[in-house]
Amino acid sequence: MPYFDAASTAPLHPVARQALLAALDEGWADPARLYREGRRARLLLDAAREAAAEAVGCRPDELVFTPSGTRAVHAGVSGALAGRRRVGDRLVVSAVEHSSVLHAGEAHTAAGGTVAEVPVDRSGAVDPERFAAALDARTALACLQSANHEVGTEQPVAEVADACRAAGVPLLVDAAQSLGWGPVPEGWSLLAASAHKWGGPSGVGLLAVRKGVRFAPQGPGDERESGRAPGFENLPAIVAAAASLRAVRAEAAEEAARLRALVDRIRARVPELVPDVEVVGDPVRRLPHLVTFSCLYVDGETLLHELDREGFSVSSGSSCTSSTLTPSHVLRAMGVLSEGNVRVSLPAGTAEEDVDRFLGVLPGVVAAVRERLGAPRPSAVAGAAPDTLLVDALGKRCPIPVIELARVIGDVPVGGTVTVLSDDEAARLDIPAWCEMRGQEYVGGEPSPKGGTAYVVRRVA
């Protein structure tokens, strides 16, 4: 059964498994002790740190291991902000950062600091000039992911790093998604990553802090890991993480080329096979193994369940699959369609026949979900009717508001309007995206006296 959710967590690499089992026998002792078992454990820890530092591109004494990538991000953000509190309290981030960065920003705001979010374009990338303009004299830290975890778009890290250097602001790069594929461009001041993203064991993160960066570790004090990650090190997992990082990097160039070809096939074939689909993310500057697309008139949760029944494990940023009932903050920041969203992220070793089978199964699954929801068939219905119609979709979740819009758009003459009342958060993205995909004019939205928002669409053709 094909597993297509490597961006969430990659399957354990064989080298990681071997190293983990060996380290359970050799690395169980306290590496801080001077007896022989402790010395043996210290040698393993030092070797793992050197291997990880080589892959990251830093000195071994600049890198510490943390209990997770999220803890690495929080430790990096809080430590850098505390170390530069005399400069100011402003944190600058992109609008599509991983939730761990945004949550760190929320904690900073709750403590009295300020956070500025730099918007992105429809591909999910920041404009380096716009990012540079957000840096001011009170900026203590800037954060930018190396590549997006939901749509795969690579960020202009080198250009933003140059801007941060010119402004005298340290840059923290979240490299969780990209580190297994290659080094991050030079210029960063802090770097965070997570082992389970590249095929290492879960429960191991990396935090690198360049020498010269003002840094004040927050939280409980501890002599371990330079005081930046308190608690006894999970040495077997650390050894496995470092060994697997070295292994995947050695395979990265060849495997990236192979997976990129498979993803290119998905990007090209899905719009041909499935009507009313938007493939999102930068088509060129992107991770080699990841593609995201959204399907009109589809309930994302149902779509994922149906694909699972067909043997495919994928993920989604649709609000229909979220307990918060709001679409992914990444898709929201990009302003793209969120309903029926599917993220396919191929693990190393994915077979071509599995991708071909996915492409063979997808059209039927989408069609079945659309039929179940009563979605309109792609056809234009002309008619002499009122110049305006009102669709009350209050209380209905995506994709129902868009489905009801599509059903009636042909019932108004060209130039007429349809007003959709909706209190579903996803409608703010999905109705404009539907208009763009179907060649209709999105007039705008405003609060409705009945609750929610009134979205106005004018029929163009």
Protein backbone atom coordinates (compact mmCIF):
# COMPACT_ATOMS: atom_id res chain seq x y z
CA MET A 1 0.00 0.00 0.00
CA PRO A 2 1.73 3.21 -1.16
CA TYR A 3 2.58 5.72 1.56
CA PHE A 4 2.55 9.21 0.04
CA ASP A 5 2.96 11.39 3.14
CA ALA A 6 6.72 11.67 3.56
CA ALA A 7 6.44 15.41 4.28
CA SER A 8 4.71 14.53 7.55
CA THR A 9 7.19 11.84 8.45
CA ALA A 10 9.42 9.73 6.25
CA PRO A 11 9.71 5.96 6.71
CA LEU A 12 12.66 4.94 8.85
CA HIS A 13 15.75 4.66 6.64
CA PRO A 14 17.49 1.24 6.78
CA VAL A 15 20.70 2.90 7.95
CA ALA A 16 18.79 4.56 10.78
CA ARG A 17 17.40 1.20 11.87
CA GLN A 18 20.84 -0.42 11.86
CA ALA A 19 22.46 2.46 13.73
CA LEU A 20 19.64 2.57 16.28
CA LEU A 21 19.93 -1.11 17.11
CA ALA A 22 23.73 -0.90 17.40
CA ALA A 23 23.56 2.20 19.60
CA LEU A 24 21.06 0.55 21.95
CA ASP A 25 23.83 -1.89 22.81
CA GLU A 26 26.73 0.57 22.84
CA GLY A 27 25.21 3.94 23.71
CA TRP A 28 23.00 3.38 26.73
CA ALA A 29 25.33 4.92 29.33
CA ASP A 30 25.59 8.56 30.46
CA PRO A 31 27.97 10.39 28.08
CA ALA A 32 28.80 12.86 30.87
CA ARG A 33 30.45 10.15 33.02
CA LEU A 34 34.14 9.28 32.99
CA TYR A 35 33.97 5.49 33.30
CA ARG A 36 34.42 3.36 30.20
CA GLU A 37 30.72 2.99 29.37
CA GLY A 38 30.30 6.76 29.64
CA ARG A 39 33.38 7.38 27.51
CA ARG A 40 32.06 5.03 24.86
CA ALA A 41 28.75 6.87 24.86
CA ARG A 42 30.55 10.22 24.63
CA LEU A 43 32.48 9.03 21.57
CA LEU A 44 29.22 8.06 19.88
CA LEU A 45 27.63 11.42 20.73
CA ASP A 46 30.64 13.37 19.48
CA ALA A 47 30.75 11.37 16.24
CA ALA A 48 27.02 11.96 15.67
CA ARG A 49 27.43 15.68 16.28
CA GLU A 50 30.33 15.91 13.83
CA ALA A 51 28.38 14.04 11.15
CA ALA A 52 25.30 16.21 11.61
CA ALA A 53 27.36 19.41 11.65
CA GLU A 54 29.05 18.43 8.40
CA ALA A 55 25.64 17.95 6.75
CA VAL A 56 24.32 21.23 8.14
CA GLY A 57 27.45 23.17 7.26
CA CYS A 58 28.48 24.39 10.70
CA ARG A 59 31.02 23.65 13.43
CA PRO A 60 30.27 20.74 15.76
CA ASP A 61 30.30 23.07 18.78
CA GLU A 62 27.59 25.19 17.11
CA LEU A 63 25.09 22.30 16.94
CA VAL A 64 22.98 20.72 19.68
CA PHE A 65 20.44 17.91 19.63
CA THR A 66 16.92 18.61 20.89
CA PRO A 67 13.94 16.32 21.67
CA SER A 68 12.17 17.37 18.42
CA GLY A 69 12.22 19.82 15.56
CA THR A 70 9.50 21.83 17.27
CA ARG A 71 11.62 22.15 20.40
CA ALA A 72 14.56 23.20 18.23
CA VAL A 73 12.45 25.99 16.71
CA HIS A 74 11.11 27.19 20.05
CA ALA A 75 14.56 27.08 21.66
CA GLY A 76 16.08 28.93 18.72
CA VAL A 77 13.43 31.65 18.58
CA SER A 78 13.22 32.25 22.32
CA GLY A 79 16.99 32.14 22.82
CA ALA A 80 17.74 34.55 19.98
CA LEU A 81 15.01 36.98 21.05
CA ALA A 82 16.23 36.93 24.64
CA GLY A 83 19.83 37.39 23.57
CA ARG A 84 18.91 40.48 21.55
CA ARG A 85 16.27 42.03 23.81
CA ARG A 86 18.33 45.22 24.08
CA VAL A 87 18.03 45.66 20.30
CA GLY A 88 14.25 45.35 20.26
CA ASP A 89 11.30 43.00 20.51
CA ARG A 90 10.26 42.67 16.86
CA LEU A 91 10.12 39.23 15.24
CA VAL A 92 9.73 39.01 11.44
CA VAL A 93 8.39 35.80 9.87
CA SER A 94 6.86 34.74 6.58
CA ALA A 95 3.13 34.08 6.53
CA VAL A 96 3.68 30.43 5.54
CA GLU A 97 6.09 29.33 8.26
CA HIS A 98 5.53 26.00 10.00
CA SER A 99 3.09 26.20 12.89
CA SER A 100 5.98 25.76 15.37
CA VAL A 101 7.40 29.12 14.26
CA LEU A 102 4.00 30.81 14.35
CA HIS A 103 3.31 29.38 17.82
CA ALA A 104 6.68 30.69 18.99
CA GLY A 105 5.60 34.06 17.63
CA GLU A 106 2.33 33.83 19.56
CA ALA A 107 4.27 33.16 22.77
CA HIS A 108 6.47 36.16 22.00
CA THR A 109 3.40 38.36 21.46
CA ALA A 110 1.84 37.14 24.71
CA ALA A 111 5.04 38.21 26.49
CA GLY A 112 4.72 41.73 25.10
CA GLY A 113 6.73 41.43 21.88
CA THR A 114 5.64 42.19 18.34
CA VAL A 115 5.48 39.94 15.28
CA ALA A 116 5.40 41.06 11.64
CA GLU A 117 4.26 38.57 8.97
CA VAL A 118 5.63 39.01 5.45
CA PRO A 119 3.02 37.96 2.84
CA VAL A 120 3.71 35.53 0.00
CA ASP A 121 2.64 35.32 -3.64
CA ARG A 122 0.31 32.66 -5.06
CA SER A 123 3.24 30.26 -5.39
CA GLY A 124 3.95 30.54 -1.67
CA ALA A 125 7.24 32.44 -1.95
CA VAL A 126 8.21 35.68 -0.23
CA ASP A 127 9.57 38.66 -2.13
CA PRO A 128 13.11 39.32 -0.78
CA GLU A 129 12.63 43.07 -1.16
CA ARG A 130 9.39 42.97 0.77
CA PHE A 131 11.05 40.87 3.47
CA ALA A 132 13.92 43.34 3.66
CA ALA A 133 11.45 46.23 4.03
CA ALA A 134 9.96 44.51 7.11
CA LEU A 135 13.32 44.64 8.93
CA ASP A 136 13.75 47.74 11.08
CA ALA A 137 16.03 48.97 13.84
CA ARG A 138 14.03 47.12 16.51
CA THR A 139 14.01 43.75 14.75
CA ALA A 140 15.63 41.16 16.99
CA LEU A 141 15.16 38.08 14.78
CA ALA A 142 13.86 37.00 11.38
CA CYS A 143 12.60 33.51 10.47
CA LEU A 144 12.26 31.92 7.03
CA GLN A 145 11.75 28.29 6.13
CA SER A 146 14.00 26.83 3.46
CA ALA A 147 11.08 25.11 1.71
CA ASN A 148 7.39 24.94 2.48
CA HIS A 149 6.05 21.84 4.15
CA GLU A 150 2.63 21.94 2.42
CA VAL A 151 3.26 23.03 -1.17
CA GLY A 152 7.00 22.42 -1.57
CA THR A 153 7.94 25.94 -2.69
CA GLU A 154 11.57 26.81 -1.98
CA GLN A 155 12.14 30.20 -0.38
CA PRO A 156 14.82 32.68 -1.54
CA VAL A 157 16.96 32.03 1.54
CA ALA A 158 20.19 33.44 0.09
CA GLU A 159 18.59 36.75 -0.91
CA VAL A 160 16.79 37.13 2.42
CA ALA A 161 19.99 36.23 4.29
CA ASP A 162 21.79 39.03 2.45
CA ALA A 163 19.05 41.47 3.48
CA CYS A 164 19.23 40.32 7.09
CA ARG A 165 23.01 40.65 7.11
CA ALA A 166 22.76 44.20 5.77
CA ALA A 167 20.22 45.05 8.48
CA GLY A 168 22.24 43.37 11.23
CA VAL A 169 19.43 40.91 11.99
CA PRO A 170 20.09 37.20 12.61
CA LEU A 171 18.11 34.80 10.41
CA LEU A 172 16.69 31.51 11.70
CA VAL A 173 16.01 28.99 8.94
CA ASP A 174 13.61 26.12 9.51
CA ALA A 175 15.20 23.47 7.29
CA ALA A 176 13.05 20.54 8.39
CA GLN A 177 11.73 19.75 4.91
CA SER A 178 14.86 20.41 2.89
CA LEU A 179 17.89 19.31 4.91
CA GLY A 180 17.72 15.72 3.71
CA TRP A 181 17.90 16.95 0.10
CA GLY A 182 20.93 19.21 0.46
CA PRO A 183 22.60 22.02 2.40
CA VAL A 184 20.85 25.31 3.10
CA PRO A 185 22.37 28.34 1.32
CA GLU A 186 24.93 30.26 3.36
CA GLY A 187 24.05 33.33 5.36
CA TRP A 188 21.81 31.92 8.08
CA SER A 189 22.51 32.54 11.76
CA LEU A 190 20.40 29.79 13.30
CA LEU A 191 19.03 26.58 11.77
CA ALA A 192 16.48 24.06 13.01
CA ALA A 193 15.59 20.63 11.62
CA SER A 194 13.84 17.39 12.52
CA ALA A 195 15.18 13.88 11.99
CA HIS A 196 11.92 12.11 11.21
CA LYS A 197 11.52 14.31 8.11
CA TRP A 198 14.55 12.72 6.41
CA GLY A 199 14.09 9.11 7.58
CA GLY A 200 15.64 9.30 11.01
CA PRO A 201 13.80 8.32 14.19
CA SER A 202 11.23 10.63 15.73
CA GLY A 203 12.17 12.51 18.87
CA VAL A 204 15.39 14.10 17.57
CA GLY A 205 15.79 17.68 16.42
CA LEU A 206 18.80 19.82 15.50
CA LEU A 207 19.53 23.40 16.48
CA ALA A 208 22.59 25.16 15.11
CA VAL A 209 23.58 28.61 16.40
CA ARG A 210 26.48 30.33 14.67
CA LYS A 211 29.30 31.68 16.80
CA GLY A 212 28.83 35.38 17.42
CA VAL A 213 25.02 35.24 17.52
CA ARG A 214 23.74 36.68 20.78
CA PHE A 215 21.83 33.81 22.36
CA ALA A 216 20.38 33.35 25.85
CA PRO A 217 18.84 29.89 26.39
CA GLN A 218 15.42 30.01 28.00
CA GLY A 219 13.72 27.45 30.21
CA PRO A 220 15.28 25.07 32.76
CA GLY A 221 19.03 25.29 33.11
CA ASP A 222 21.10 22.20 32.35
CA GLU A 223 24.73 21.52 31.63
CA ARG A 224 23.88 19.18 28.75
CA GLU A 225 23.88 20.29 25.10
CA SER A 226 25.44 23.66 25.97
CA GLY A 227 22.44 24.42 28.15
CA ARG A 228 20.21 24.72 25.08
CA ALA A 229 18.38 21.37 25.32
CA PRO A 230 18.00 20.25 28.93
CA GLY A 231 17.60 16.60 29.77
CA PHE A 232 19.37 13.31 29.20
CA GLU A 233 20.22 12.84 25.53
CA ASN A 234 18.43 10.06 23.63
CA LEU A 235 21.77 8.82 22.37
CA PRO A 236 20.62 5.80 20.31
CA ALA A 237 18.12 7.99 18.44
CA ILE A 238 20.71 10.74 17.97
CA VAL A 239 23.20 8.27 16.50
CA ALA A 240 20.52 6.91 14.14
CA ALA A 241 19.49 10.44 13.12
CA ALA A 242 23.03 11.45 12.22
CA ALA A 243 23.77 8.20 10.39
CA SER A 244 20.57 8.43 8.34
CA LEU A 245 21.18 12.10 7.48
CA ARG A 246 24.56 11.20 6.06
CA ALA A 247 23.02 8.27 4.15
CA VAL A 248 20.11 10.19 2.60
CA ARG A 249 22.39 13.06 1.60
CA ALA A 250 24.65 10.59 -0.21
CA GLU A 251 21.61 9.34 -2.16
CA ALA A 252 19.92 12.73 -2.54
CA ALA A 253 21.00 13.83 -6.01
CA GLU A 254 20.00 10.62 -7.78
CA GLU A 255 16.78 10.11 -5.81
CA ALA A 256 15.75 13.76 -6.19
CA ALA A 257 16.00 13.53 -9.97
CA ARG A 258 13.93 10.34 -10.02
CA LEU A 259 11.21 11.65 -7.69
CA ARG A 260 11.08 15.03 -9.46
CA ALA A 261 10.20 13.21 -12.68
CA LEU A 262 7.39 11.36 -10.89
CA VAL A 263 6.07 14.58 -9.34
CA ASP A 264 6.24 16.31 -12.73
CA ARG A 265 4.05 13.50 -14.05
CA ILE A 266 1.50 14.09 -11.27
CA ARG A 267 1.56 17.87 -11.80
CA ALA A 268 0.92 17.47 -15.52
CA ARG A 269 -1.56 14.58 -15.48
CA VAL A 270 -3.89 15.51 -12.60
CA PRO A 271 -5.38 18.59 -14.37
CA GLU A 272 -5.81 16.50 -17.52
CA LEU A 273 -7.53 13.65 -15.71
CA VAL A 274 -9.65 15.57 -13.20
CA PRO A 275 -11.72 18.64 -14.20
CA ASP A 276 -11.62 21.78 -12.06
CA VAL A 277 -8.31 21.19 -10.30
CA GLU A 278 -5.74 23.77 -9.19
CA VAL A 279 -2.15 22.60 -8.76
CA VAL A 280 -0.45 24.94 -6.29
CA GLY A 281 3.13 25.79 -5.37
CA ASP A 282 6.03 26.91 -7.54
CA PRO A 283 6.40 24.54 -10.51
CA VAL A 284 10.18 24.95 -10.66
CA ARG A 285 11.62 26.19 -7.35
CA ARG A 286 10.27 23.39 -5.23
CA LEU A 287 11.16 20.26 -3.31
CA PRO A 288 11.59 17.27 -5.61
CA HIS A 289 9.15 14.92 -3.88
CA LEU A 290 6.09 17.05 -3.08
CA VAL A 291 3.03 18.25 -5.00
CA THR A 292 -0.24 19.76 -3.78
CA PHE A 293 -3.49 20.21 -5.68
CA SER A 294 -7.04 21.20 -4.79
CA CYS A 295 -10.27 19.88 -6.34
CA LEU A 296 -13.41 21.97 -6.66
CA TYR A 297 -16.69 20.57 -5.29
CA VAL A 298 -14.94 18.01 -3.08
CA ASP A 299 -15.03 17.38 0.64
CA GLY A 300 -11.37 16.98 1.59
CA GLU A 301 -12.00 14.61 4.48
CA THR A 302 -14.10 12.28 2.35
CA LEU A 303 -11.54 12.41 -0.44
CA LEU A 304 -8.72 11.36 1.91
CA HIS A 305 -10.82 8.51 3.32
CA GLU A 306 -11.66 7.26 -0.17
CA LEU A 307 -8.02 7.39 -1.27
CA ASP A 308 -7.08 5.51 1.90
CA ARG A 309 -9.62 2.83 1.00
CA GLU A 310 -7.86 2.53 -2.35
CA GLY A 311 -4.56 2.04 -0.53
CA PHE A 312 -3.03 5.54 -0.77
CA SER A 313 -1.92 7.50 2.31
CA VAL A 314 -1.96 11.23 1.56
CA SER A 315 -2.57 14.38 3.60
CA SER A 316 -4.53 17.59 3.16
CA GLY A 317 -4.67 21.25 4.12
CA SER A 318 -8.44 21.51 3.59
CA SER A 319 -10.59 22.89 6.37
CA CYS A 320 -12.79 19.81 5.86
CA THR A 321 -10.02 17.69 7.41
CA SER A 322 -9.23 20.10 10.25
CA SER A 323 -10.69 20.13 13.75
CA THR A 324 -10.52 23.94 13.65
CA LEU A 325 -12.73 24.10 10.52
CA THR A 326 -10.31 26.62 9.00
CA PRO A 327 -8.18 25.98 5.92
CA SER A 328 -4.42 25.63 6.17
CA HIS A 329 -2.74 28.93 7.02
CA VAL A 330 -0.37 28.25 4.11
CA LEU A 331 -3.15 27.95 1.52
CA ARG A 332 -4.89 30.93 3.11
CA ALA A 333 -1.76 33.09 2.86
CA MET A 334 -1.29 32.06 -0.79
CA GLY A 335 -4.90 32.88 -1.62
CA VAL A 336 -5.43 29.61 -3.48
CA LEU A 337 -8.25 27.08 -3.54
CA SER A 338 -8.38 25.09 -0.31
CA GLU A 339 -11.33 22.72 -0.74
CA GLY A 340 -10.51 19.17 -1.75
CA ASN A 341 -6.83 19.74 -1.09
CA VAL A 342 -4.45 16.79 -1.47
CA ARG A 343 -0.74 16.81 -0.62
CA VAL A 344 1.29 14.01 -2.18
CA SER A 345 4.83 13.67 -0.82
CA LEU A 346 6.75 10.69 -2.13
CA PRO A 347 9.23 8.85 0.09
CA ALA A 348 12.53 7.63 -1.28
CA GLY A 349 12.11 4.46 -3.29
CA THR A 350 8.58 5.21 -4.53
CA ALA A 351 7.88 3.02 -7.54
CA GLU A 352 6.66 4.43 -10.86
CA GLU A 353 3.84 1.90 -10.97
CA ASP A 354 2.50 3.21 -7.64
CA VAL A 355 2.31 6.74 -9.07
CA ASP A 356 0.63 5.42 -12.21
CA ARG A 357 -1.90 3.52 -10.11
CA PHE A 358 -2.60 6.67 -8.07
CA LEU A 359 -3.26 8.60 -11.29
CA GLY A 360 -5.54 5.81 -12.42
CA VAL A 361 -7.55 5.76 -9.20
CA LEU A 362 -7.83 9.52 -8.53
CA PRO A 363 -10.32 10.53 -11.28
CA GLY A 364 -12.88 7.94 -10.23
CA VAL A 365 -12.53 8.79 -6.55
CA VAL A 366 -13.00 12.52 -7.16
CA ALA A 367 -15.96 11.92 -9.47
CA ALA A 368 -17.63 9.67 -6.91
CA VAL A 369 -17.21 12.23 -4.11
CA ARG A 370 -18.56 15.00 -6.34
CA GLU A 371 -21.57 12.92 -7.32
CA ARG A 372 -22.27 12.10 -3.67
CA LEU A 373 -22.23 15.82 -2.84
CA GLY A 374 -24.43 16.74 -5.82
CA ALA A 375 -21.77 18.84 -7.54
CA PRO A 376 -22.69 20.32 -10.94
CA ARG A 377 -21.42 18.70 -14.08
CA PRO A 378 -19.18 20.94 -16.22
CA SER A 379 -21.72 22.58 -18.51
CA ALA A 380 -23.09 26.06 -19.13
CA VAL A 381 -26.77 26.57 -18.52
CA ALA A 382 -28.16 29.64 -20.25
CA GLY A 383 -31.42 31.14 -19.14
CA ALA A 384 -33.53 34.24 -18.97
CA ALA A 385 -33.74 34.85 -15.25
CA PRO A 386 -33.37 37.56 -12.61
CA ASP A 387 -30.28 39.75 -12.73
CA THR A 388 -29.34 38.65 -9.24
CA LEU A 389 -29.74 35.57 -7.08
CA LEU A 390 -29.13 34.93 -3.39
CA VAL A 391 -27.68 31.64 -2.16
CA ASP A 392 -27.98 31.08 1.58
CA ALA A 393 -25.20 28.65 2.52
CA LEU A 394 -24.95 29.69 6.18
CA GLY A 395 -24.05 26.77 8.40
CA LYS A 396 -22.78 24.67 5.50
CA ARG A 397 -19.13 23.57 5.30
CA CYS A 398 -16.88 23.45 2.27
CA PRO A 399 -17.33 22.55 -0.50
CA ILE A 400 -21.12 23.09 -0.31
CA PRO A 401 -21.08 26.93 -0.67
CA VAL A 402 -19.10 26.66 -3.91
CA ILE A 403 -21.22 23.78 -5.18
CA GLU A 404 -24.40 25.83 -4.65
CA LEU A 405 -22.79 28.83 -6.38
CA ALA A 406 -21.86 26.67 -9.37
CA ARG A 407 -25.39 25.27 -9.59
CA VAL A 408 -27.03 28.67 -10.02
CA ILE A 409 -24.45 30.82 -11.87
CA GLY A 410 -26.05 29.81 -15.18
CA ASP A 411 -29.46 30.96 -13.94
CA VAL A 412 -28.49 34.64 -14.11
CA PRO A 413 -27.79 36.44 -17.39
CA VAL A 414 -24.30 37.55 -18.37
CA GLY A 415 -23.61 40.60 -16.23
CA GLY A 416 -25.93 39.37 -13.47
CA THR A 417 -24.72 38.52 -9.99
CA VAL A 418 -25.00 35.74 -7.44
CA THR A 419 -24.58 36.55 -3.75
CA VAL A 420 -23.48 33.65 -1.54
CA LEU A 421 -24.01 33.91 2.20
CA SER A 422 -21.47 31.76 4.02
CA ASP A 423 -19.95 31.54 7.47
CA ASP A 424 -17.43 28.87 6.45
CA GLU A 425 -13.86 30.19 6.71
CA ALA A 426 -12.78 28.34 3.58
CA ALA A 427 -15.29 30.24 1.43
CA ARG A 428 -13.08 33.36 1.62
CA LEU A 429 -10.50 31.48 -0.45
CA ASP A 430 -12.60 29.04 -2.39
CA ILE A 431 -15.16 31.40 -3.95
CA PRO A 432 -12.51 33.75 -5.48
CA ALA A 433 -10.52 30.68 -6.59
CA TRP A 434 -13.64 29.21 -8.23
CA CYS A 435 -14.21 32.49 -10.08
CA GLU A 436 -10.66 32.49 -11.42
CA MET A 437 -10.88 28.86 -12.50
CA ARG A 438 -14.31 29.26 -14.14
CA GLY A 439 -13.72 32.67 -15.77
CA GLN A 440 -16.25 34.55 -13.62
CA GLU A 441 -15.76 37.89 -11.84
CA TYR A 442 -15.35 37.96 -8.07
CA VAL A 443 -16.81 41.31 -6.99
CA GLY A 444 -15.99 41.05 -3.28
CA GLY A 445 -17.31 40.14 0.14
CA GLU A 446 -18.71 42.08 3.07
CA PRO A 447 -20.32 41.18 6.42
CA SER A 448 -23.90 40.02 6.08
CA PRO A 449 -26.70 41.18 8.45
CA LYS A 450 -27.75 37.53 8.63
CA GLY A 451 -24.27 36.51 9.80
CA GLY A 452 -21.16 35.36 8.01
CA THR A 453 -20.07 37.05 4.79
CA ALA A 454 -21.93 37.95 1.60
CA TYR A 455 -19.74 37.02 -1.39
CA VAL A 456 -20.80 38.60 -4.70
CA VAL A 457 -19.96 36.95 -8.04
CA ARG A 458 -20.78 38.44 -11.44
CA ARG A 459 -21.42 36.13 -14.39
CA VAL A 460 -19.01 36.94 -17.23
CA ALA A 461 -19.81 34.12 -19.64
